Amino acid sequence: MKKSDLIALAKTLISTSFPALRGMKLKLKIIDIEDYVMAVRLEGKAIHLELSREDAVRMRRNVLIGVLAHELCHAEEDRRHGPLLEAVFSWLYERFPSLETRMERRIDIAVIRKGYGKELLSFQRYHDLHYEPYDQTDGLTAEEIEEALRHSVPRGRAPFRDVSPSRPASSRNHG
């Protein structure tokens, strides 16, 4: 997918599903990296997305929507917390990996609540095929997303009870 198409897709997601991010400037950087698929960070009134060049080429639209929705949920949460609190959280995540695990699982639940569960599942399957498969420490697994979709409830209610394991989490960047 071309960079301009990726930006248009991200802007559409923001305008339809991420009200806390509306009005922010979107910057997308395609990078040559093998460690992750996509990452997000906020800087002032700008959303910075970094996407692996290889993944940008091979991901289908629904897969891209899944990872975008996940990263935009992170950005929305980060914006609500503000930069000082986010710095504290980052420090805590490095020292207590179970906190990062809980955060990643909470973000995946938020993606499902926003109506992007099928796309998140597509991304998880893509990720499991091209990278080390997700486990419960990385966020919701494909099986857990499938279960949540089978038992989905009206927006605003948790589709299932989140029981986060206490095993160490992987990096916050996805991939």
N, C-alpha and C. Protein backbone atom coordinates (compact mmCIF):
# COMPACT_ATOMS: atom_id res chain seq x y z
N MET A 1 0.85 -1.17 0.00
CA MET A 1 0.00 0.00 0.00
C MET A 1 0.90 1.24 0.00
N LYS A 2 0.53 2.21 -0.77
CA LYS A 2 1.30 3.45 -0.85
C LYS A 2 1.16 4.27 0.44
N LYS A 3 2.18 5.06 0.73
CA LYS A 3 2.18 5.87 1.93
C LYS A 3 0.96 6.79 2.00
N SER A 4 0.61 7.40 0.87
CA SER A 4 -0.55 8.30 0.86
C SER A 4 -1.84 7.55 1.18
N ASP A 5 -1.95 6.30 0.72
CA ASP A 5 -3.13 5.49 1.03
C ASP A 5 -3.15 5.11 2.51
N LEU A 6 -1.98 4.83 3.07
CA LEU A 6 -1.89 4.51 4.48
C LEU A 6 -2.30 5.69 5.36
N ILE A 7 -1.84 6.87 4.97
CA ILE A 7 -2.20 8.08 5.72
C ILE A 7 -3.70 8.33 5.63
N ALA A 8 -4.26 8.17 4.44
CA ALA A 8 -5.71 8.36 4.26
C ALA A 8 -6.50 7.37 5.11
N LEU A 9 -6.05 6.13 5.16
CA LEU A 9 -6.71 5.11 5.97
C LEU A 9 -6.64 5.47 7.45
N ALA A 10 -5.48 5.87 7.92
CA ALA A 10 -5.33 6.26 9.33
C ALA A 10 -6.21 7.46 9.66
N LYS A 11 -6.25 8.44 8.77
CA LYS A 11 -7.09 9.62 9.01
C LYS A 11 -8.57 9.25 9.05
N THR A 12 -8.98 8.31 8.21
CA THR A 12 -10.37 7.85 8.22
C THR A 12 -10.69 7.17 9.55
N LEU A 13 -9.80 6.31 10.01
CA LEU A 13 -10.02 5.65 11.30
C LEU A 13 -10.13 6.68 12.43
N ILE A 14 -9.23 7.65 12.42
CA ILE A 14 -9.25 8.68 13.45
C ILE A 14 -10.57 9.45 13.41
N SER A 15 -10.99 9.86 12.23
CA SER A 15 -12.21 10.68 12.13
C SER A 15 -13.47 9.91 12.50
N THR A 16 -13.48 8.59 12.30
CA THR A 16 -14.69 7.82 12.58
C THR A 16 -14.71 7.16 13.95
N SER A 17 -13.54 6.86 14.51
CA SER A 17 -13.53 6.03 15.71
C SER A 17 -12.63 6.50 16.85
N PHE A 18 -11.84 7.53 16.63
CA PHE A 18 -10.89 7.96 17.66
C PHE A 18 -11.02 9.46 17.92
N PRO A 19 -12.10 9.85 18.58
CA PRO A 19 -12.37 11.28 18.77
C PRO A 19 -11.29 12.03 19.54
N ALA A 20 -10.61 11.37 20.46
CA ALA A 20 -9.57 12.05 21.24
C ALA A 20 -8.37 12.45 20.38
N LEU A 21 -8.25 11.86 19.19
CA LEU A 21 -7.10 12.14 18.32
C LEU A 21 -7.44 13.10 17.17
N ARG A 22 -8.70 13.47 17.04
CA ARG A 22 -9.09 14.38 15.97
C ARG A 22 -8.40 15.72 16.14
N GLY A 23 -7.97 16.28 15.03
CA GLY A 23 -7.30 17.57 15.05
C GLY A 23 -5.80 17.48 15.26
N MET A 24 -5.30 16.30 15.54
CA MET A 24 -3.86 16.13 15.69
C MET A 24 -3.24 15.88 14.31
N LYS A 25 -2.02 16.29 14.16
CA LYS A 25 -1.30 16.07 12.91
C LYS A 25 -0.80 14.62 12.89
N LEU A 26 -0.94 13.98 11.73
CA LEU A 26 -0.51 12.59 11.57
C LEU A 26 0.76 12.53 10.75
N LYS A 27 1.77 11.86 11.30
CA LYS A 27 3.03 11.69 10.58
C LYS A 27 3.31 10.20 10.49
N LEU A 28 3.50 9.71 9.28
CA LEU A 28 3.78 8.30 9.04
C LEU A 28 5.16 8.16 8.45
N LYS A 29 5.93 7.29 9.06
CA LYS A 29 7.28 7.03 8.56
C LYS A 29 7.39 5.54 8.25
N ILE A 30 7.76 5.23 7.02
CA ILE A 30 7.99 3.86 6.61
C ILE A 30 9.48 3.59 6.85
N ILE A 31 9.77 2.56 7.64
CA ILE A 31 11.16 2.31 8.02
C ILE A 31 11.57 0.88 7.72
N ASP A 32 12.86 0.69 7.54
CA ASP A 32 13.43 -0.63 7.34
C ASP A 32 13.84 -1.17 8.70
N ILE A 33 12.99 -2.01 9.26
CA ILE A 33 13.23 -2.58 10.59
C ILE A 33 12.62 -3.96 10.65
N GLU A 34 13.22 -4.82 11.42
CA GLU A 34 12.71 -6.18 11.53
C GLU A 34 12.15 -6.48 12.92
N ASP A 35 12.26 -5.54 13.86
CA ASP A 35 11.85 -5.80 15.24
C ASP A 35 10.34 -5.72 15.48
N TYR A 36 9.64 -4.95 14.70
CA TYR A 36 8.20 -4.79 14.92
C TYR A 36 7.51 -4.36 13.64
N VAL A 37 6.19 -4.45 13.65
CA VAL A 37 5.37 -4.07 12.50
C VAL A 37 5.09 -2.57 12.52
N MET A 38 4.54 -2.09 13.64
CA MET A 38 4.13 -0.69 13.75
C MET A 38 4.29 -0.22 15.19
N ALA A 39 4.60 1.06 15.33
CA ALA A 39 4.69 1.68 16.65
C ALA A 39 4.08 3.07 16.57
N VAL A 40 3.65 3.56 17.72
CA VAL A 40 3.06 4.90 17.78
C VAL A 40 3.66 5.66 18.96
N ARG A 41 3.76 6.97 18.78
CA ARG A 41 4.12 7.84 19.89
C ARG A 41 3.50 9.21 19.62
N LEU A 42 3.22 9.90 20.69
CA LEU A 42 2.68 11.25 20.57
C LEU A 42 3.79 12.24 20.90
N GLU A 43 3.79 13.32 20.16
CA GLU A 43 4.76 14.39 20.42
C GLU A 43 4.01 15.70 20.19
N GLY A 44 3.69 16.38 21.28
CA GLY A 44 2.90 17.59 21.17
C GLY A 44 1.53 17.26 20.58
N LYS A 45 1.20 17.94 19.48
CA LYS A 45 -0.09 17.69 18.82
C LYS A 45 0.07 16.83 17.58
N ALA A 46 1.10 15.98 17.57
CA ALA A 46 1.36 15.11 16.42
C ALA A 46 1.35 13.64 16.84
N ILE A 47 0.77 12.82 15.99
CA ILE A 47 0.79 11.37 16.14
C ILE A 47 1.86 10.85 15.18
N HIS A 48 2.85 10.18 15.72
CA HIS A 48 3.93 9.62 14.90
C HIS A 48 3.72 8.11 14.80
N LEU A 49 3.50 7.64 13.59
CA LEU A 49 3.38 6.21 13.34
C LEU A 49 4.61 5.77 12.56
N GLU A 50 5.19 4.66 12.97
CA GLU A 50 6.28 4.05 12.22
C GLU A 50 5.81 2.68 11.78
N LEU A 51 6.01 2.38 10.51
CA LEU A 51 5.54 1.12 9.93
C LEU A 51 6.69 0.46 9.18
N SER A 52 6.84 -0.82 9.39
CA SER A 52 7.86 -1.59 8.69
C SER A 52 7.57 -1.58 7.19
N ARG A 53 8.59 -1.29 6.41
CA ARG A 53 8.44 -1.25 4.95
C ARG A 53 7.94 -2.61 4.42
N GLU A 54 8.55 -3.68 4.90
CA GLU A 54 8.18 -5.02 4.44
C GLU A 54 6.72 -5.33 4.75
N ASP A 55 6.27 -4.96 5.95
CA ASP A 55 4.88 -5.20 6.32
C ASP A 55 3.92 -4.30 5.55
N ALA A 56 4.33 -3.07 5.28
CA ALA A 56 3.48 -2.16 4.51
C ALA A 56 3.18 -2.75 3.13
N VAL A 57 4.14 -3.46 2.58
CA VAL A 57 3.98 -4.05 1.25
C VAL A 57 3.09 -5.29 1.30
N ARG A 58 3.28 -6.14 2.31
CA ARG A 58 2.59 -7.43 2.29
C ARG A 58 1.28 -7.48 3.06
N MET A 59 0.99 -6.51 3.92
CA MET A 59 -0.26 -6.55 4.69
C MET A 59 -1.46 -6.21 3.82
N ARG A 60 -2.51 -7.00 3.99
CA ARG A 60 -3.79 -6.68 3.35
C ARG A 60 -4.44 -5.54 4.15
N ARG A 61 -5.41 -4.91 3.55
CA ARG A 61 -6.09 -3.76 4.16
C ARG A 61 -6.67 -4.09 5.54
N ASN A 62 -7.35 -5.22 5.67
CA ASN A 62 -7.98 -5.55 6.95
C ASN A 62 -6.93 -5.79 8.04
N VAL A 63 -5.77 -6.33 7.67
CA VAL A 63 -4.68 -6.54 8.61
C VAL A 63 -4.13 -5.19 9.06
N LEU A 64 -3.95 -4.30 8.11
CA LEU A 64 -3.45 -2.97 8.41
C LEU A 64 -4.43 -2.21 9.32
N ILE A 65 -5.71 -2.35 9.06
CA ILE A 65 -6.71 -1.70 9.92
C ILE A 65 -6.61 -2.24 11.35
N GLY A 66 -6.38 -3.54 11.49
CA GLY A 66 -6.26 -4.14 12.82
C GLY A 66 -5.11 -3.57 13.62
N VAL A 67 -3.93 -3.47 12.99
CA VAL A 67 -2.78 -2.94 13.73
C VAL A 67 -2.91 -1.43 13.92
N LEU A 68 -3.47 -0.74 12.95
CA LEU A 68 -3.70 0.70 13.11
C LEU A 68 -4.65 0.99 14.27
N ALA A 69 -5.75 0.24 14.33
CA ALA A 69 -6.72 0.45 15.40
C ALA A 69 -6.06 0.20 16.76
N HIS A 70 -5.22 -0.82 16.84
CA HIS A 70 -4.52 -1.11 18.09
C HIS A 70 -3.60 0.06 18.47
N GLU A 71 -2.82 0.52 17.53
CA GLU A 71 -1.88 1.61 17.83
C GLU A 71 -2.62 2.92 18.12
N LEU A 72 -3.71 3.16 17.45
CA LEU A 72 -4.48 4.38 17.71
C LEU A 72 -5.16 4.32 19.08
N CYS A 73 -5.53 3.12 19.53
CA CYS A 73 -6.03 2.99 20.91
C CYS A 73 -4.94 3.35 21.91
N HIS A 74 -3.70 2.92 21.62
CA HIS A 74 -2.58 3.33 22.48
C HIS A 74 -2.46 4.85 22.48
N ALA A 75 -2.53 5.46 21.31
CA ALA A 75 -2.37 6.91 21.20
C ALA A 75 -3.48 7.64 21.97
N GLU A 76 -4.71 7.14 21.87
CA GLU A 76 -5.81 7.75 22.60
C GLU A 76 -5.57 7.69 24.11
N GLU A 77 -5.13 6.54 24.57
CA GLU A 77 -4.85 6.39 26.00
C GLU A 77 -3.70 7.29 26.43
N ASP A 78 -2.65 7.32 25.61
CA ASP A 78 -1.50 8.18 25.92
C ASP A 78 -1.92 9.65 25.99
N ARG A 79 -2.79 10.05 25.10
CA ARG A 79 -3.24 11.45 25.10
C ARG A 79 -4.04 11.77 26.36
N ARG A 80 -4.89 10.82 26.77
CA ARG A 80 -5.66 11.03 27.99
C ARG A 80 -4.75 11.17 29.21
N HIS A 81 -3.68 10.36 29.24
CA HIS A 81 -2.77 10.39 30.39
C HIS A 81 -1.88 11.62 30.40
N GLY A 82 -1.45 12.07 29.24
CA GLY A 82 -0.51 13.17 29.16
C GLY A 82 0.92 12.67 29.22
N PRO A 83 1.88 13.51 28.80
CA PRO A 83 3.27 13.05 28.68
C PRO A 83 3.94 12.67 30.01
N LEU A 84 3.63 13.37 31.08
CA LEU A 84 4.27 13.05 32.36
C LEU A 84 3.83 11.68 32.86
N LEU A 85 2.54 11.43 32.85
CA LEU A 85 2.03 10.15 33.31
C LEU A 85 2.49 9.02 32.39
N GLU A 86 2.56 9.27 31.10
CA GLU A 86 3.05 8.25 30.16
C GLU A 86 4.51 7.91 30.43
N ALA A 87 5.31 8.90 30.80
CA ALA A 87 6.71 8.64 31.15
C ALA A 87 6.79 7.76 32.40
N VAL A 88 5.93 8.03 33.37
CA VAL A 88 5.89 7.20 34.58
C VAL A 88 5.49 5.77 34.22
N PHE A 89 4.46 5.63 33.38
CA PHE A 89 4.02 4.29 32.96
C PHE A 89 5.13 3.54 32.24
N SER A 90 5.82 4.20 31.34
CA SER A 90 6.93 3.55 30.62
C SER A 90 7.98 3.04 31.59
N TRP A 91 8.30 3.86 32.58
CA TRP A 91 9.27 3.45 33.59
C TRP A 91 8.76 2.22 34.34
N LEU A 92 7.49 2.23 34.71
CA LEU A 92 6.90 1.10 35.43
C LEU A 92 6.87 -0.17 34.57
N TYR A 93 6.53 -0.02 33.27
CA TYR A 93 6.45 -1.18 32.38
C TYR A 93 7.80 -1.88 32.26
N GLU A 94 8.87 -1.09 32.26
CA GLU A 94 10.22 -1.68 32.18
C GLU A 94 10.54 -2.49 33.43
N ARG A 95 10.06 -2.06 34.56
CA ARG A 95 10.38 -2.71 35.81
C ARG A 95 9.39 -3.80 36.21
N PHE A 96 8.15 -3.67 35.75
CA PHE A 96 7.10 -4.63 36.10
C PHE A 96 6.39 -5.07 34.81
N PRO A 97 6.95 -6.06 34.12
CA PRO A 97 6.39 -6.49 32.83
C PRO A 97 4.92 -6.90 32.89
N SER A 98 4.46 -7.37 34.04
CA SER A 98 3.05 -7.76 34.12
C SER A 98 2.13 -6.56 33.91
N LEU A 99 2.59 -5.36 34.26
CA LEU A 99 1.78 -4.15 34.01
C LEU A 99 1.65 -3.89 32.52
N GLU A 100 2.74 -4.09 31.77
CA GLU A 100 2.68 -3.92 30.32
C GLU A 100 1.75 -4.96 29.70
N THR A 101 1.82 -6.18 30.19
CA THR A 101 0.92 -7.23 29.70
C THR A 101 -0.54 -6.80 29.89
N ARG A 102 -0.86 -6.33 31.07
CA ARG A 102 -2.24 -5.91 31.34
C ARG A 102 -2.65 -4.76 30.43
N MET A 103 -1.72 -3.82 30.20
CA MET A 103 -2.02 -2.69 29.31
C MET A 103 -2.29 -3.19 27.90
N GLU A 104 -1.45 -4.07 27.36
CA GLU A 104 -1.64 -4.57 26.00
C GLU A 104 -2.96 -5.31 25.85
N ARG A 105 -3.32 -6.10 26.84
CA ARG A 105 -4.59 -6.82 26.80
C ARG A 105 -5.77 -5.84 26.88
N ARG A 106 -5.63 -4.81 27.71
CA ARG A 106 -6.68 -3.79 27.83
C ARG A 106 -6.85 -3.05 26.50
N ILE A 107 -5.75 -2.76 25.82
CA ILE A 107 -5.81 -2.08 24.53
C ILE A 107 -6.52 -2.97 23.51
N ASP A 108 -6.19 -4.25 23.48
CA ASP A 108 -6.86 -5.16 22.55
C ASP A 108 -8.37 -5.21 22.81
N ILE A 109 -8.76 -5.20 24.07
CA ILE A 109 -10.19 -5.17 24.40
C ILE A 109 -10.81 -3.88 23.89
N ALA A 110 -10.10 -2.77 24.02
CA ALA A 110 -10.61 -1.48 23.51
C ALA A 110 -10.79 -1.53 21.99
N VAL A 111 -9.87 -2.18 21.29
CA VAL A 111 -9.99 -2.31 19.84
C VAL A 111 -11.28 -3.07 19.50
N ILE A 112 -11.54 -4.14 20.21
CA ILE A 112 -12.76 -4.94 19.98
C ILE A 112 -13.99 -4.10 20.27
N ARG A 113 -13.98 -3.37 21.37
CA ARG A 113 -15.12 -2.52 21.73
C ARG A 113 -15.40 -1.45 20.68
N LYS A 114 -14.35 -0.97 20.03
CA LYS A 114 -14.53 0.04 18.98
C LYS A 114 -15.06 -0.56 17.68
N GLY A 115 -15.16 -1.88 17.64
CA GLY A 115 -15.73 -2.53 16.46
C GLY A 115 -14.70 -3.06 15.47
N TYR A 116 -13.43 -3.14 15.88
CA TYR A 116 -12.37 -3.60 14.99
C TYR A 116 -11.83 -4.97 15.38
N GLY A 117 -12.66 -5.78 16.01
CA GLY A 117 -12.23 -7.10 16.46
C GLY A 117 -11.83 -8.03 15.33
N LYS A 118 -12.59 -8.05 14.26
CA LYS A 118 -12.26 -8.93 13.13
C LYS A 118 -10.93 -8.51 12.51
N GLU A 119 -10.70 -7.22 12.41
CA GLU A 119 -9.44 -6.73 11.86
C GLU A 119 -8.27 -7.02 12.80
N LEU A 120 -8.51 -6.90 14.11
CA LEU A 120 -7.47 -7.24 15.08
C LEU A 120 -7.12 -8.72 14.96
N LEU A 121 -8.12 -9.56 14.79
CA LEU A 121 -7.89 -10.98 14.60
C LEU A 121 -7.08 -11.23 13.32
N SER A 122 -7.40 -10.52 12.25
CA SER A 122 -6.62 -10.65 11.01
C SER A 122 -5.17 -10.27 11.24
N PHE A 123 -4.96 -9.19 12.01
CA PHE A 123 -3.58 -8.79 12.31
C PHE A 123 -2.89 -9.85 13.15
N GLN A 124 -3.55 -10.38 14.17
CA GLN A 124 -2.91 -11.39 15.02
C GLN A 124 -2.51 -12.61 14.20
N ARG A 125 -3.38 -13.04 13.30
CA ARG A 125 -3.05 -14.19 12.45
C ARG A 125 -1.87 -13.87 11.54
N TYR A 126 -1.87 -12.67 10.98
CA TYR A 126 -0.75 -12.22 10.15
C TYR A 126 0.54 -12.23 10.97
N HIS A 127 0.47 -11.64 12.15
CA HIS A 127 1.65 -11.56 13.01
C HIS A 127 2.15 -12.96 13.36
N ASP A 128 1.23 -13.85 13.72
CA ASP A 128 1.63 -15.20 14.11
C ASP A 128 2.27 -15.96 12.95
N LEU A 129 1.89 -15.62 11.73
CA LEU A 129 2.45 -16.26 10.54
C LEU A 129 3.85 -15.74 10.22
N HIS A 130 4.07 -14.43 10.37
CA HIS A 130 5.32 -13.80 9.95
C HIS A 130 6.33 -13.53 11.08
N TYR A 131 5.88 -13.59 12.33
CA TYR A 131 6.73 -13.31 13.48
C TYR A 131 6.50 -14.39 14.53
N GLU A 132 7.19 -14.24 15.65
CA GLU A 132 6.94 -15.17 16.75
C GLU A 132 5.49 -14.99 17.20
N PRO A 133 4.74 -16.09 17.30
CA PRO A 133 3.31 -15.96 17.66
C PRO A 133 3.09 -15.27 19.00
N TYR A 134 2.01 -14.49 19.05
CA TYR A 134 1.62 -13.83 20.30
C TYR A 134 1.24 -14.88 21.33
N ASP A 135 1.51 -14.57 22.57
CA ASP A 135 0.97 -15.35 23.67
C ASP A 135 0.27 -14.37 24.60
N GLN A 136 -0.23 -14.85 25.71
CA GLN A 136 -1.02 -13.99 26.59
C GLN A 136 -0.24 -12.85 27.21
N THR A 137 1.07 -12.90 27.16
CA THR A 137 1.85 -11.78 27.71
C THR A 137 1.96 -10.63 26.72
N ASP A 138 1.69 -10.89 25.43
CA ASP A 138 1.81 -9.87 24.39
C ASP A 138 0.52 -9.10 24.16
N GLY A 139 -0.58 -9.60 24.67
CA GLY A 139 -1.90 -9.06 24.40
C GLY A 139 -2.83 -10.24 24.24
N LEU A 140 -3.98 -10.00 23.65
CA LEU A 140 -4.90 -11.11 23.42
C LEU A 140 -4.37 -11.99 22.30
N THR A 141 -4.50 -13.28 22.48
CA THR A 141 -4.11 -14.22 21.43
C THR A 141 -5.24 -14.31 20.40
N ALA A 142 -4.95 -14.90 19.26
CA ALA A 142 -5.97 -15.08 18.22
C ALA A 142 -7.16 -15.86 18.78
N GLU A 143 -6.89 -16.88 19.58
CA GLU A 143 -7.98 -17.68 20.16
C GLU A 143 -8.84 -16.84 21.10
N GLU A 144 -8.20 -15.97 21.88
CA GLU A 144 -8.97 -15.12 22.79
C GLU A 144 -9.79 -14.08 22.03
N ILE A 145 -9.26 -13.58 20.94
CA ILE A 145 -10.02 -12.62 20.12
C ILE A 145 -11.22 -13.33 19.50
N GLU A 146 -11.01 -14.53 18.98
CA GLU A 146 -12.12 -15.31 18.42
C GLU A 146 -13.21 -15.51 19.46
N GLU A 147 -12.80 -15.88 20.68
CA GLU A 147 -13.75 -16.09 21.76
C GLU A 147 -14.51 -14.79 22.08
N ALA A 148 -13.80 -13.69 22.13
CA ALA A 148 -14.44 -12.40 22.40
C ALA A 148 -15.43 -12.05 21.30
N LEU A 149 -15.10 -12.34 20.06
CA LEU A 149 -16.01 -12.04 18.95
C LEU A 149 -17.26 -12.92 19.01
N ARG A 150 -17.10 -14.16 19.45
CA ARG A 150 -18.26 -15.05 19.60
C ARG A 150 -19.20 -14.56 20.70
N HIS A 151 -18.62 -13.92 21.70
CA HIS A 151 -19.40 -13.46 22.85
C HIS A 151 -19.48 -11.95 22.93
N SER A 152 -19.34 -11.28 21.81
CA SER A 152 -19.33 -9.82 21.85
C SER A 152 -20.66 -9.31 22.37
N VAL A 153 -20.55 -8.22 23.09
CA VAL A 153 -21.71 -7.58 23.71
C VAL A 153 -21.75 -6.14 23.24
N PRO A 154 -22.81 -5.41 23.56
CA PRO A 154 -22.91 -4.02 23.12
C PRO A 154 -21.69 -3.20 23.49
N ARG A 155 -21.39 -2.21 22.68
CA ARG A 155 -20.25 -1.32 22.89
C ARG A 155 -20.24 -0.77 24.30
N GLY A 156 -19.05 -0.71 24.88
CA GLY A 156 -18.90 -0.16 26.22
C GLY A 156 -18.87 -1.20 27.32
N ARG A 157 -19.12 -2.47 26.96
CA ARG A 157 -19.05 -3.53 27.96
C ARG A 157 -17.97 -4.51 27.55
N ALA A 158 -17.25 -5.01 28.54
CA ALA A 158 -16.17 -5.95 28.26
C ALA A 158 -16.73 -7.23 27.66
N PRO A 159 -16.17 -7.74 26.55
CA PRO A 159 -16.68 -8.95 25.94
C PRO A 159 -16.37 -10.20 26.75
N PHE A 160 -15.41 -10.11 27.65
CA PHE A 160 -15.04 -11.23 28.50
C PHE A 160 -14.21 -10.70 29.64
N ARG A 161 -14.04 -11.52 30.64
CA ARG A 161 -13.23 -11.11 31.78
C ARG A 161 -11.76 -11.26 31.43
N ASP A 162 -10.99 -10.24 31.62
CA ASP A 162 -9.56 -10.26 31.31
C ASP A 162 -8.80 -10.79 32.51
N VAL A 163 -8.18 -11.93 32.33
CA VAL A 163 -7.32 -12.49 33.36
C VAL A 163 -5.92 -12.48 32.79
N SER A 164 -5.14 -11.52 33.21
CA SER A 164 -3.79 -11.35 32.67
C SER A 164 -2.81 -12.24 33.41
N PRO A 165 -1.97 -12.93 32.66
CA PRO A 165 -0.95 -13.76 33.30
C PRO A 165 0.17 -12.91 33.89
N SER A 166 1.01 -13.53 34.69
CA SER A 166 2.09 -12.77 35.31
C SER A 166 3.43 -13.02 34.63
N ARG A 167 3.43 -13.64 33.43
CA ARG A 167 4.68 -13.85 32.71
C ARG A 167 5.17 -12.55 32.11
N PRO A 168 6.49 -12.42 31.87
CA PRO A 168 7.03 -11.18 31.32
C PRO A 168 6.44 -10.85 29.95
N ALA A 169 6.29 -9.57 29.68
CA ALA A 169 5.75 -9.11 28.42
C ALA A 169 6.86 -8.83 27.43
N SER A 170 6.49 -8.80 26.14
CA SER A 170 7.46 -8.43 25.11
C SER A 170 7.42 -6.92 24.92
N SER A 171 8.14 -6.41 23.94
CA SER A 171 8.22 -4.96 23.75
C SER A 171 6.86 -4.37 23.42
N ARG A 172 6.70 -3.11 23.65
CA ARG A 172 5.44 -2.42 23.39
C ARG A 172 5.19 -2.26 21.91
N ASN A 173 6.22 -2.25 21.12
CA ASN A 173 6.06 -2.17 19.67
C ASN A 173 5.60 -3.53 19.16
N HIS A 174 4.78 -3.52 18.17
CA HIS A 174 4.14 -4.75 17.73
C HIS A 174 4.87 -5.37 16.57
N GLY A 175 5.21 -6.60 16.74
CA GLY A 175 5.87 -7.32 15.67
C GLY A 175 6.92 -8.17 16.10
